[in-house]
Amino acid sequence: MKTPEKQIKKQFQDTCGAKQAVQSSEEPSEVSPKSDHKAILKSLKEEQTRKLAQLAEQYEQSINQMMTSHSIEDKLVSLHKEWTEKSSIYLSVRSENWRCLIQRVHD
């Protein structure tokens, strides 16, 4: 479970780092005309919203995968425990049946 958590953290750090790099390189500067500033800011905001939505979707998928994996592991442990208990009961009954059968043969 540690590996998926590390992957999620890395995705977040990569996205945040990329976002900061994009913002610093594409922010309206004093060189660009003032008329373009609004369009650039709008474009940056849309890009940021899109990337955050994509990141949220990736997080949701990662969380669902971890939960599914954890659920499967729990079910496997439960089934193994149940099988062990039933196997033990079966072996006890079989042993008792053999003991009774042998006793009947000797009587």
PDB file of N, CA and C in Angstrom:
ATOM      1  N   MET A   1       0.823  -1.184   0.000  1.00  0.00           N
ATOM      2  CA  MET A   1       0.000   0.000   0.000  1.00  0.00           C
ATOM      3  C   MET A   1       0.871   1.253   0.000  1.00  0.00           C
ATOM      4  N   LYS A   2       2.106   1.149   0.427  1.00  0.00           N
ATOM      5  CA  LYS A   2       3.018   2.289   0.482  1.00  0.00           C
ATOM      6  C   LYS A   2       3.363   2.783  -0.923  1.00  0.00           C
ATOM      7  N   THR A   3       3.536   1.862  -1.866  1.00  0.00           N
ATOM      8  CA  THR A   3       3.939   2.247  -3.213  1.00  0.00           C
ATOM      9  C   THR A   3       2.886   3.129  -3.889  1.00  0.00           C
ATOM     10  N   PRO A   4       1.588   2.763  -3.872  1.00  0.00           N
ATOM     11  CA  PRO A   4       0.598   3.654  -4.481  1.00  0.00           C
ATOM     12  C   PRO A   4       0.562   5.024  -3.801  1.00  0.00           C
ATOM     13  N   GLU A   5       0.754   5.074  -2.488  1.00  0.00           N
ATOM     14  CA  GLU A   5       0.770   6.361  -1.792  1.00  0.00           C
ATOM     15  C   GLU A   5       1.934   7.210  -2.283  1.00  0.00           C
ATOM     16  N   LYS A   6       3.088   6.575  -2.477  1.00  0.00           N
ATOM     17  CA  LYS A   6       4.250   7.300  -2.975  1.00  0.00           C
ATOM     18  C   LYS A   6       3.995   7.804  -4.394  1.00  0.00           C
ATOM     19  N   GLN A   7       3.327   6.974  -5.208  1.00  0.00           N
ATOM     20  CA  GLN A   7       3.018   7.383  -6.581  1.00  0.00           C
ATOM     21  C   GLN A   7       2.095   8.593  -6.586  1.00  0.00           C
ATOM     22  N   ILE A   8       1.100   8.577  -5.705  1.00  0.00           N
ATOM     23  CA  ILE A   8       0.160   9.694  -5.633  1.00  0.00           C
ATOM     24  C   ILE A   8       0.898  10.965  -5.209  1.00  0.00           C
ATOM     25  N   LYS A   9       1.759  10.838  -4.211  1.00  0.00           N
ATOM     26  CA  LYS A   9       2.533  11.994  -3.751  1.00  0.00           C
ATOM     27  C   LYS A   9       3.408  12.539  -4.869  1.00  0.00           C
ATOM     28  N   LYS A  10       4.045  11.637  -5.609  1.00  0.00           N
ATOM     29  CA  LYS A  10       4.924  12.058  -6.703  1.00  0.00           C
ATOM     30  C   LYS A  10       4.122  12.764  -7.794  1.00  0.00           C
ATOM     31  N   GLN A  11       2.937  12.230  -8.117  1.00  0.00           N
ATOM     32  CA  GLN A  11       2.091  12.873  -9.116  1.00  0.00           C
ATOM     33  C   GLN A  11       1.744  14.294  -8.676  1.00  0.00           C
ATOM     34  N   PHE A  12       1.408  14.434  -7.402  1.00  0.00           N
ATOM     35  CA  PHE A  12       1.038  15.743  -6.879  1.00  0.00           C
ATOM     36  C   PHE A  12       2.215  16.708  -6.968  1.00  0.00           C
ATOM     37  N   GLN A  13       3.387  16.235  -6.547  1.00  0.00           N
ATOM     38  CA  GLN A  13       4.571  17.094  -6.587  1.00  0.00           C
ATOM     39  C   GLN A  13       4.936  17.457  -8.018  1.00  0.00           C
ATOM     40  N   ASP A  14       4.839  16.480  -8.921  1.00  0.00           N
ATOM     41  CA  ASP A  14       5.137  16.754 -10.327  1.00  0.00           C
ATOM     42  C   ASP A  14       4.175  17.785 -10.895  1.00  0.00           C
ATOM     43  N   THR A  15       2.897  17.629 -10.563  1.00  0.00           N
ATOM     44  CA  THR A  15       1.881  18.547 -11.073  1.00  0.00           C
ATOM     45  C   THR A  15       2.085  19.939 -10.502  1.00  0.00           C
ATOM     46  N   CYS A  16       2.338  20.031  -9.213  1.00  0.00           N
ATOM     47  CA  CYS A  16       2.551  21.340  -8.594  1.00  0.00           C
ATOM     48  C   CYS A  16       3.787  22.011  -9.170  1.00  0.00           C
ATOM     49  N   GLY A  17       4.853  21.239  -9.344  1.00  0.00           N
ATOM     50  CA  GLY A  17       6.074  21.793  -9.923  1.00  0.00           C
ATOM     51  C   GLY A  17       5.853  22.261 -11.342  1.00  0.00           C
ATOM     52  N   ALA A  18       5.137  21.466 -12.122  1.00  0.00           N
ATOM     53  CA  ALA A  18       4.845  21.821 -13.512  1.00  0.00           C
ATOM     54  C   ALA A  18       3.954  23.061 -13.559  1.00  0.00           C
ATOM     55  N   LYS A  19       2.994  23.122 -12.630  1.00  0.00           N
ATOM     56  CA  LYS A  19       2.074  24.255 -12.598  1.00  0.00           C
ATOM     57  C   LYS A  19       2.842  25.544 -12.308  1.00  0.00           C
ATOM     58  N   GLN A  20       3.757  25.498 -11.343  1.00  0.00           N
ATOM     59  CA  GLN A  20       4.529  26.683 -11.001  1.00  0.00           C
ATOM     60  C   GLN A  20       5.427  27.103 -12.163  1.00  0.00           C
ATOM     61  N   ALA A  21       6.007  26.128 -12.841  1.00  0.00           N
ATOM     62  CA  ALA A  21       6.871  26.447 -13.983  1.00  0.00           C
ATOM     63  C   ALA A  21       6.066  27.090 -15.100  1.00  0.00           C
ATOM     64  N   VAL A  22       4.866  26.568 -15.353  1.00  0.00           N
ATOM     65  CA  VAL A  22       4.013  27.114 -16.400  1.00  0.00           C
ATOM     66  C   VAL A  22       3.591  28.521 -16.029  1.00  0.00           C
ATOM     67  N   GLN A  23       3.206  28.723 -14.778  1.00  0.00           N
ATOM     68  CA  GLN A  23       2.754  30.042 -14.356  1.00  0.00           C
ATOM     69  C   GLN A  23       3.862  31.075 -14.496  1.00  0.00           C
ATOM     70  N   SER A  24       5.069  30.712 -14.086  1.00  0.00           N
ATOM     71  CA  SER A  24       6.150  31.688 -14.156  1.00  0.00           C
ATOM     72  C   SER A  24       6.554  31.987 -15.595  1.00  0.00           C
ATOM     73  N   SER A  25       6.452  30.981 -16.469  1.00  0.00           N
ATOM     74  CA  SER A  25       6.874  31.210 -17.856  1.00  0.00           C
ATOM     75  C   SER A  25       5.786  31.837 -18.714  1.00  0.00           C
ATOM     76  N   GLU A  26       4.517  31.698 -18.334  1.00  0.00           N
ATOM     77  CA  GLU A  26       3.439  32.179 -19.191  1.00  0.00           C
ATOM     78  C   GLU A  26       2.650  33.322 -18.593  1.00  0.00           C
ATOM     79  N   GLU A  27       3.034  33.803 -17.424  1.00  0.00           N
ATOM     80  CA  GLU A  27       2.311  34.920 -16.846  1.00  0.00           C
ATOM     81  C   GLU A  27       2.468  36.132 -17.743  1.00  0.00           C
ATOM     82  N   PRO A  28       1.443  36.948 -17.761  1.00  0.00           N
ATOM     83  CA  PRO A  28       1.554  38.148 -18.589  1.00  0.00           C
ATOM     84  C   PRO A  28       2.722  39.002 -18.094  1.00  0.00           C
ATOM     85  N   SER A  29       3.526  39.399 -18.965  1.00  0.00           N
ATOM     86  CA  SER A  29       4.670  40.213 -18.589  1.00  0.00           C
ATOM     87  C   SER A  29       4.456  41.636 -19.061  1.00  0.00           C
ATOM     88  N   GLU A  30       5.348  42.462 -18.656  1.00  0.00           N
ATOM     89  CA  GLU A  30       5.239  43.853 -19.074  1.00  0.00           C
ATOM     90  C   GLU A  30       5.574  44.001 -20.558  1.00  0.00           C
ATOM     91  N   VAL A  31       6.143  42.940 -21.150  1.00  0.00           N
ATOM     92  CA  VAL A  31       6.506  42.986 -22.563  1.00  0.00           C
ATOM     93  C   VAL A  31       5.281  42.783 -23.442  1.00  0.00           C
ATOM     94  N   SER A  32       4.355  41.923 -23.005  1.00  0.00           N
ATOM     95  CA  SER A  32       3.163  41.658 -23.818  1.00  0.00           C
ATOM     96  C   SER A  32       2.195  42.831 -23.685  1.00  0.00           C
ATOM     97  N   PRO A  33       1.426  43.055 -24.733  1.00  0.00           N
ATOM     98  CA  PRO A  33       0.470  44.168 -24.694  1.00  0.00           C
ATOM     99  C   PRO A  33      -0.588  43.937 -23.611  1.00  0.00           C
ATOM    100  N   LYS A  34      -1.038  45.019 -23.025  1.00  0.00           N
ATOM    101  CA  LYS A  34      -2.015  44.932 -21.941  1.00  0.00           C
ATOM    102  C   LYS A  34      -3.312  44.285 -22.406  1.00  0.00           C
ATOM    103  N   SER A  35      -3.656  44.454 -23.659  1.00  0.00           N
ATOM    104  CA  SER A  35      -4.888  43.875 -24.192  1.00  0.00           C
ATOM    105  C   SER A  35      -4.844  42.344 -24.165  1.00  0.00           C
ATOM    106  N   ASP A  36      -3.643  41.764 -24.234  1.00  0.00           N
ATOM    107  CA  ASP A  36      -3.497  40.311 -24.227  1.00  0.00           C
ATOM    108  C   ASP A  36      -3.499  39.723 -22.815  1.00  0.00           C
ATOM    109  N   HIS A  37      -3.303  40.554 -21.809  1.00  0.00           N
ATOM    110  CA  HIS A  37      -3.200  40.061 -20.437  1.00  0.00           C
ATOM    111  C   HIS A  37      -4.437  39.282 -20.008  1.00  0.00           C
ATOM    112  N   LYS A  38      -5.621  39.809 -20.295  1.00  0.00           N
ATOM    113  CA  LYS A  38      -6.855  39.121 -19.898  1.00  0.00           C
ATOM    114  C   LYS A  38      -6.969  37.761 -20.575  1.00  0.00           C
ATOM    115  N   ALA A  39      -6.653  37.708 -21.855  1.00  0.00           N
ATOM    116  CA  ALA A  39      -6.732  36.443 -22.603  1.00  0.00           C
ATOM    117  C   ALA A  39      -5.720  35.440 -22.059  1.00  0.00           C
ATOM    118  N   ILE A  40      -4.517  35.914 -21.736  1.00  0.00           N
ATOM    119  CA  ILE A  40      -3.485  35.022 -21.197  1.00  0.00           C
ATOM    120  C   ILE A  40      -3.900  34.505 -19.830  1.00  0.00           C
ATOM    121  N   LEU A  41      -4.399  35.403 -18.978  1.00  0.00           N
ATOM    122  CA  LEU A  41      -4.848  34.990 -17.639  1.00  0.00           C
ATOM    123  C   LEU A  41      -6.005  33.999 -17.720  1.00  0.00           C
ATOM    124  N   LYS A  42      -6.952  34.253 -18.629  1.00  0.00           N
ATOM    125  CA  LYS A  42      -8.082  33.337 -18.807  1.00  0.00           C
ATOM    126  C   LYS A  42      -7.586  31.969 -19.274  1.00  0.00           C
ATOM    127  N   SER A  43      -6.667  31.975 -20.216  1.00  0.00           N
ATOM    128  CA  SER A  43      -6.105  30.725 -20.724  1.00  0.00           C
ATOM    129  C   SER A  43      -5.376  29.961 -19.621  1.00  0.00           C
ATOM    130  N   LEU A  44      -4.603  30.669 -18.801  1.00  0.00           N
ATOM    131  CA  LEU A  44      -3.889  30.036 -17.697  1.00  0.00           C
ATOM    132  C   LEU A  44      -4.861  29.446 -16.675  1.00  0.00           C
ATOM    133  N   LYS A  45      -5.915  30.183 -16.385  1.00  0.00           N
ATOM    134  CA  LYS A  45      -6.909  29.719 -15.415  1.00  0.00           C
ATOM    135  C   LYS A  45      -7.612  28.462 -15.945  1.00  0.00           C
ATOM    136  N   GLU A  46      -7.967  28.446 -17.214  1.00  0.00           N
ATOM    137  CA  GLU A  46      -8.601  27.267 -17.804  1.00  0.00           C
ATOM    138  C   GLU A  46      -7.664  26.066 -17.777  1.00  0.00           C
ATOM    139  N   GLU A  47      -6.402  26.296 -18.086  1.00  0.00           N
ATOM    140  CA  GLU A  47      -5.402  25.222 -18.068  1.00  0.00           C
ATOM    141  C   GLU A  47      -5.223  24.685 -16.651  1.00  0.00           C
ATOM    142  N   GLN A  48      -5.172  25.575 -15.682  1.00  0.00           N
ATOM    143  CA  GLN A  48      -5.025  25.171 -14.285  1.00  0.00           C
ATOM    144  C   GLN A  48      -6.235  24.343 -13.847  1.00  0.00           C
ATOM    145  N   THR A  49      -7.430  24.791 -14.192  1.00  0.00           N
ATOM    146  CA  THR A  49      -8.657  24.074 -13.840  1.00  0.00           C
ATOM    147  C   THR A  49      -8.667  22.689 -14.483  1.00  0.00           C
ATOM    148  N   ARG A  50      -8.278  22.614 -15.745  1.00  0.00           N
ATOM    149  CA  ARG A  50      -8.239  21.334 -16.457  1.00  0.00           C
ATOM    150  C   ARG A  50      -7.248  20.377 -15.806  1.00  0.00           C
ATOM    151  N   LYS A  51      -6.054  20.873 -15.490  1.00  0.00           N
ATOM    152  CA  LYS A  51      -5.038  20.021 -14.879  1.00  0.00           C
ATOM    153  C   LYS A  51      -5.451  19.560 -13.481  1.00  0.00           C
ATOM    154  N   LEU A  52      -6.065  20.442 -12.716  1.00  0.00           N
ATOM    155  CA  LEU A  52      -6.520  20.049 -11.378  1.00  0.00           C
ATOM    156  C   LEU A  52      -7.641  19.017 -11.459  1.00  0.00           C
ATOM    157  N   ALA A  53      -8.522  19.161 -12.428  1.00  0.00           N
ATOM    158  CA  ALA A  53      -9.588  18.173 -12.612  1.00  0.00           C
ATOM    159  C   ALA A  53      -8.995  16.824 -13.013  1.00  0.00           C
ATOM    160  N   GLN A  54      -8.000  16.865 -13.875  1.00  0.00           N
ATOM    161  CA  GLN A  54      -7.326  15.631 -14.292  1.00  0.00           C
ATOM    162  C   GLN A  54      -6.613  14.991 -13.106  1.00  0.00           C
ATOM    163  N   LEU A  55      -5.958  15.793 -12.298  1.00  0.00           N
ATOM    164  CA  LEU A  55      -5.260  15.280 -11.115  1.00  0.00           C
ATOM    165  C   LEU A  55      -6.261  14.694 -10.119  1.00  0.00           C
ATOM    166  N   ALA A  56      -7.381  15.362  -9.915  1.00  0.00           N
ATOM    167  CA  ALA A  56      -8.412  14.851  -9.009  1.00  0.00           C
ATOM    168  C   ALA A  56      -8.931  13.502  -9.498  1.00  0.00           C
ATOM    169  N   GLU A  57      -9.108  13.369 -10.805  1.00  0.00           N
ATOM    170  CA  GLU A  57      -9.562  12.101 -11.373  1.00  0.00           C
ATOM    171  C   GLU A  57      -8.519  10.995 -11.157  1.00  0.00           C
ATOM    172  N   GLN A  58      -7.241  11.335 -11.345  1.00  0.00           N
ATOM    173  CA  GLN A  58      -6.177  10.360 -11.116  1.00  0.00           C
ATOM    174  C   GLN A  58      -6.142   9.940  -9.646  1.00  0.00           C
ATOM    175  N   TYR A  59      -6.316  10.898  -8.744  1.00  0.00           N
ATOM    176  CA  TYR A  59      -6.341  10.580  -7.315  1.00  0.00           C
ATOM    177  C   TYR A  59      -7.499   9.648  -6.999  1.00  0.00           C
ATOM    178  N   GLU A  60      -8.649   9.950  -7.543  1.00  0.00           N
ATOM    179  CA  GLU A  60      -9.837   9.126  -7.298  1.00  0.00           C
ATOM    180  C   GLU A  60      -9.602   7.698  -7.794  1.00  0.00           C
ATOM    181  N   GLN A  61      -9.023   7.566  -8.981  1.00  0.00           N
ATOM    182  CA  GLN A  61      -8.724   6.236  -9.521  1.00  0.00           C
ATOM    183  C   GLN A  61      -7.710   5.504  -8.647  1.00  0.00           C
ATOM    184  N   SER A  62      -6.681   6.210  -8.199  1.00  0.00           N
ATOM    185  CA  SER A  62      -5.668   5.585  -7.345  1.00  0.00           C
ATOM    186  C   SER A  62      -6.268   5.132  -6.025  1.00  0.00           C
ATOM    187  N   ILE A  63      -7.104   5.959  -5.451  1.00  0.00           N
ATOM    188  CA  ILE A  63      -7.748   5.611  -4.188  1.00  0.00           C
ATOM    189  C   ILE A  63      -8.659   4.407  -4.382  1.00  0.00           C
ATOM    190  N   ASN A  64      -9.429   4.399  -5.458  1.00  0.00           N
ATOM    191  CA  ASN A  64     -10.308   3.259  -5.738  1.00  0.00           C
ATOM    192  C   ASN A  64      -9.507   1.976  -5.937  1.00  0.00           C
ATOM    193  N   GLN A  65      -8.375   2.076  -6.626  1.00  0.00           N
ATOM    194  CA  GLN A  65      -7.531   0.899  -6.832  1.00  0.00           C
ATOM    195  C   GLN A  65      -6.989   0.388  -5.502  1.00  0.00           C
ATOM    196  N   MET A  66      -6.561   1.309  -4.637  1.00  0.00           N
ATOM    197  CA  MET A  66      -6.042   0.890  -3.327  1.00  0.00           C
ATOM    198  C   MET A  66      -7.140   0.241  -2.491  1.00  0.00           C
ATOM    199  N   MET A  67      -8.343   0.832  -2.526  1.00  0.00           N
ATOM    200  CA  MET A  67      -9.456   0.292  -1.751  1.00  0.00           C
ATOM    201  C   MET A  67      -9.852  -1.085  -2.277  1.00  0.00           C
ATOM    202  N   THR A  68      -9.884  -1.243  -3.592  1.00  0.00           N
ATOM    203  CA  THR A  68     -10.206  -2.535  -4.186  1.00  0.00           C
ATOM    204  C   THR A  68      -9.163  -3.567  -3.809  1.00  0.00           C
ATOM    205  N   SER A  69      -7.910  -3.181  -3.895  1.00  0.00           N
ATOM    206  CA  SER A  69      -6.821  -4.086  -3.539  1.00  0.00           C
ATOM    207  C   SER A  69      -6.914  -4.484  -2.069  1.00  0.00           C
ATOM    208  N   HIS A  70      -7.179  -3.515  -1.217  1.00  0.00           N
ATOM    209  CA  HIS A  70      -7.298  -3.784   0.218  1.00  0.00           C
ATOM    210  C   HIS A  70      -8.501  -4.691   0.488  1.00  0.00           C
ATOM    211  N   SER A  71      -9.591  -4.442  -0.207  1.00  0.00           N
ATOM    212  CA  SER A  71     -10.805  -5.250  -0.051  1.00  0.00           C
ATOM    213  C   SER A  71     -10.547  -6.698  -0.479  1.00  0.00           C
ATOM    214  N   ILE A  72      -9.837  -6.874  -1.570  1.00  0.00           N
ATOM    215  CA  ILE A  72      -9.515  -8.210  -2.064  1.00  0.00           C
ATOM    216  C   ILE A  72      -8.622  -8.939  -1.062  1.00  0.00           C
ATOM    217  N   GLU A  73      -7.643  -8.214  -0.512  1.00  0.00           N
ATOM    218  CA  GLU A  73      -6.754  -8.827   0.485  1.00  0.00           C
ATOM    219  C   GLU A  73      -7.548  -9.262   1.721  1.00  0.00           C
ATOM    220  N   ASP A  74      -8.472  -8.403   2.177  1.00  0.00           N
ATOM    221  CA  ASP A  74      -9.300  -8.752   3.335  1.00  0.00           C
ATOM    222  C   ASP A  74     -10.145  -9.989   3.053  1.00  0.00           C
ATOM    223  N   LYS A  75     -10.734 -10.049   1.873  1.00  0.00           N
ATOM    224  CA  LYS A  75     -11.561 -11.193   1.495  1.00  0.00           C
ATOM    225  C   LYS A  75     -10.716 -12.461   1.435  1.00  0.00           C
ATOM    226  N   LEU A  76      -9.520 -12.360   0.886  1.00  0.00           N
ATOM    227  CA  LEU A  76      -8.622 -13.508   0.804  1.00  0.00           C
ATOM    228  C   LEU A  76      -8.265 -14.024   2.199  1.00  0.00           C
ATOM    229  N   VAL A  77      -7.952 -13.129   3.113  1.00  0.00           N
ATOM    230  CA  VAL A  77      -7.632 -13.523   4.489  1.00  0.00           C
ATOM    231  C   VAL A  77      -8.836 -14.195   5.130  1.00  0.00           C
ATOM    232  N   SER A  78     -10.009 -13.627   4.912  1.00  0.00           N
ATOM    233  CA  SER A  78     -11.237 -14.190   5.465  1.00  0.00           C
ATOM    234  C   SER A  78     -11.505 -15.594   4.917  1.00  0.00           C
ATOM    235  N   LEU A  79     -11.357 -15.754   3.622  1.00  0.00           N
ATOM    236  CA  LEU A  79     -11.580 -17.065   2.999  1.00  0.00           C
ATOM    237  C   LEU A  79     -10.557 -18.091   3.482  1.00  0.00           C
ATOM    238  N   HIS A  80      -9.316 -17.670   3.646  1.00  0.00           N
ATOM    239  CA  HIS A  80      -8.280 -18.581   4.128  1.00  0.00           C
ATOM    240  C   HIS A  80      -8.598 -19.031   5.555  1.00  0.00           C
ATOM    241  N   LYS A  81      -9.039 -18.111   6.379  1.00  0.00           N
ATOM    242  CA  LYS A  81      -9.400 -18.444   7.760  1.00  0.00           C
ATOM    243  C   LYS A  81     -10.573 -19.429   7.778  1.00  0.00           C
ATOM    244  N   GLU A  82     -11.583 -19.141   6.961  1.00  0.00           N
ATOM    245  CA  GLU A  82     -12.757 -20.018   6.877  1.00  0.00           C
ATOM    246  C   GLU A  82     -12.346 -21.413   6.390  1.00  0.00           C
ATOM    247  N   TRP A  83     -11.512 -21.469   5.362  1.00  0.00           N
ATOM    248  CA  TRP A  83     -11.054 -22.752   4.830  1.00  0.00           C
ATOM    249  C   TRP A  83     -10.283 -23.528   5.892  1.00  0.00           C
ATOM    250  N   THR A  84      -9.424 -22.828   6.638  1.00  0.00           N
ATOM    251  CA  THR A  84      -8.642 -23.487   7.687  1.00  0.00           C
ATOM    252  C   THR A  84      -9.562 -24.083   8.746  1.00  0.00           C
ATOM    253  N   GLU A  85     -10.562 -23.325   9.159  1.00  0.00           N
ATOM    254  CA  GLU A  85     -11.507 -23.821  10.170  1.00  0.00           C
ATOM    255  C   GLU A  85     -12.280 -25.037   9.646  1.00  0.00           C
ATOM    256  N   LYS A  86     -12.785 -24.955   8.434  1.00  0.00           N
ATOM    257  CA  LYS A  86     -13.552 -26.066   7.872  1.00  0.00           C
ATOM    258  C   LYS A  86     -12.666 -27.287   7.643  1.00  0.00           C
ATOM    259  N   SER A  87     -11.454 -27.039   7.212  1.00  0.00           N
ATOM    260  CA  SER A  87     -10.515 -28.134   7.004  1.00  0.00           C
ATOM    261  C   SER A  87     -10.232 -28.845   8.326  1.00  0.00           C
ATOM    262  N   SER A  88     -10.059 -28.085   9.369  1.00  0.00           N
ATOM    263  CA  SER A  88      -9.808 -28.654  10.690  1.00  0.00           C
ATOM    264  C   SER A  88     -10.994 -29.503  11.158  1.00  0.00           C
ATOM    265  N   ILE A  89     -12.191 -28.998  10.961  1.00  0.00           N
ATOM    266  CA  ILE A  89     -13.402 -29.745  11.332  1.00  0.00           C
ATOM    267  C   ILE A  89     -13.493 -31.030  10.515  1.00  0.00           C
ATOM    268  N   TYR A  90     -13.253 -30.910   9.211  1.00  0.00           N
ATOM    269  CA  TYR A  90     -13.315 -32.075   8.339  1.00  0.00           C
ATOM    270  C   TYR A  90     -12.317 -33.145   8.784  1.00  0.00           C
ATOM    271  N   LEU A  91     -11.099 -32.737   9.073  1.00  0.00           N
ATOM    272  CA  LEU A  91     -10.081 -33.697   9.494  1.00  0.00           C
ATOM    273  C   LEU A  91     -10.454 -34.355  10.824  1.00  0.00           C
ATOM    274  N   SER A  92     -11.052 -33.602  11.728  1.00  0.00           N
ATOM    275  CA  SER A  92     -11.488 -34.167  13.009  1.00  0.00           C
ATOM    276  C   SER A  92     -12.585 -35.210  12.797  1.00  0.00           C
ATOM    277  N   VAL A  93     -13.562 -34.878  11.969  1.00  0.00           N
ATOM    278  CA  VAL A  93     -14.667 -35.803  11.687  1.00  0.00           C
ATOM    279  C   VAL A  93     -14.136 -37.048  10.990  1.00  0.00           C
ATOM    280  N   ARG A  94     -13.268 -36.873  10.017  1.00  0.00           N
ATOM    281  CA  ARG A  94     -12.706 -38.008   9.295  1.00  0.00           C
ATOM    282  C   ARG A  94     -11.914 -38.914  10.243  1.00  0.00           C
ATOM    283  N   SER A  95     -11.138 -38.315  11.098  1.00  0.00           N
ATOM    284  CA  SER A  95     -10.369 -39.093  12.065  1.00  0.00           C
ATOM    285  C   SER A  95     -11.298 -39.879  12.987  1.00  0.00           C
ATOM    286  N   GLU A  96     -12.356 -39.247  13.437  1.00  0.00           N
ATOM    287  CA  GLU A  96     -13.330 -39.909  14.319  1.00  0.00           C
ATOM    288  C   GLU A  96     -14.022 -41.053  13.572  1.00  0.00           C
ATOM    289  N   ASN A  97     -14.371 -40.819  12.319  1.00  0.00           N
ATOM    290  CA  ASN A  97     -15.010 -41.876  11.519  1.00  0.00           C
ATOM    291  C   ASN A  97     -14.079 -43.071  11.336  1.00  0.00           C
ATOM    292  N   TRP A  98     -12.813 -42.816  11.070  1.00  0.00           N
ATOM    293  CA  TRP A  98     -11.846 -43.902  10.927  1.00  0.00           C
ATOM    294  C   TRP A  98     -11.701 -44.664  12.242  1.00  0.00           C
ATOM    295  N   ARG A  99     -11.665 -43.934  13.333  1.00  0.00           N
ATOM    296  CA  ARG A  99     -11.537 -44.580  14.635  1.00  0.00           C
ATOM    297  C   ARG A  99     -12.734 -45.486  14.892  1.00  0.00           C
ATOM    298  N   CYS A 100     -13.931 -44.999  14.614  1.00  0.00           N
ATOM    299  CA  CYS A 100     -15.140 -45.817  14.796  1.00  0.00           C
ATOM    300  C   CYS A 100     -15.141 -47.038  13.874  1.00  0.00           C
ATOM    301  N   LEU A 101     -14.734 -46.855  12.650  1.00  0.00           N
ATOM    302  CA  LEU A 101     -14.695 -47.946  11.669  1.00  0.00           C
ATOM    303  C   LEU A 101     -13.713 -49.037  12.121  1.00  0.00           C
ATOM    304  N   ILE A 102     -12.553 -48.618  12.543  1.00  0.00           N
ATOM    305  CA  ILE A 102     -11.552 -49.590  13.021  1.00  0.00           C
ATOM    306  C   ILE A 102     -12.055 -50.312  14.257  1.00  0.00           C
ATOM    307  N   GLN A 103     -12.717 -49.594  15.117  1.00  0.00           N
ATOM    308  CA  GLN A 103     -13.242 -50.220  16.342  1.00  0.00           C
ATOM    309  C   GLN A 103     -14.314 -51.249  15.983  1.00  0.00           C
ATOM    310  N   ARG A 104     -15.154 -50.956  15.010  1.00  0.00           N
ATOM    311  CA  ARG A 104     -16.187 -51.910  14.579  1.00  0.00           C
ATOM    312  C   ARG A 104     -15.565 -53.165  13.967  1.00  0.00           C
ATOM    313  N   VAL A 105     -14.516 -52.959  13.203  1.00  0.00           N
ATOM    314  CA  VAL A 105     -13.850 -54.101  12.561  1.00  0.00           C
ATOM    315  C   VAL A 105     -13.254 -55.016  13.638  1.00  0.00           C
ATOM    316  N   HIS A 106     -12.702 -54.458  14.667  1.00  0.00           N
ATOM    317  CA  HIS A 106     -12.084 -55.265  15.732  1.00  0.00           C
ATOM    318  C   HIS A 106     -13.117 -55.908  16.659  1.00  0.00           C
ATOM    319  N   ASP A 107     -14.297 -55.397  16.717  1.00  0.00           N
ATOM    320  CA  ASP A 107     -15.328 -55.966  17.605  1.00  0.00           C
ATOM    321  C   ASP A 107     -16.006 -57.098  16.967  1.00  0.00           C
TER     322      ASP A 107
END
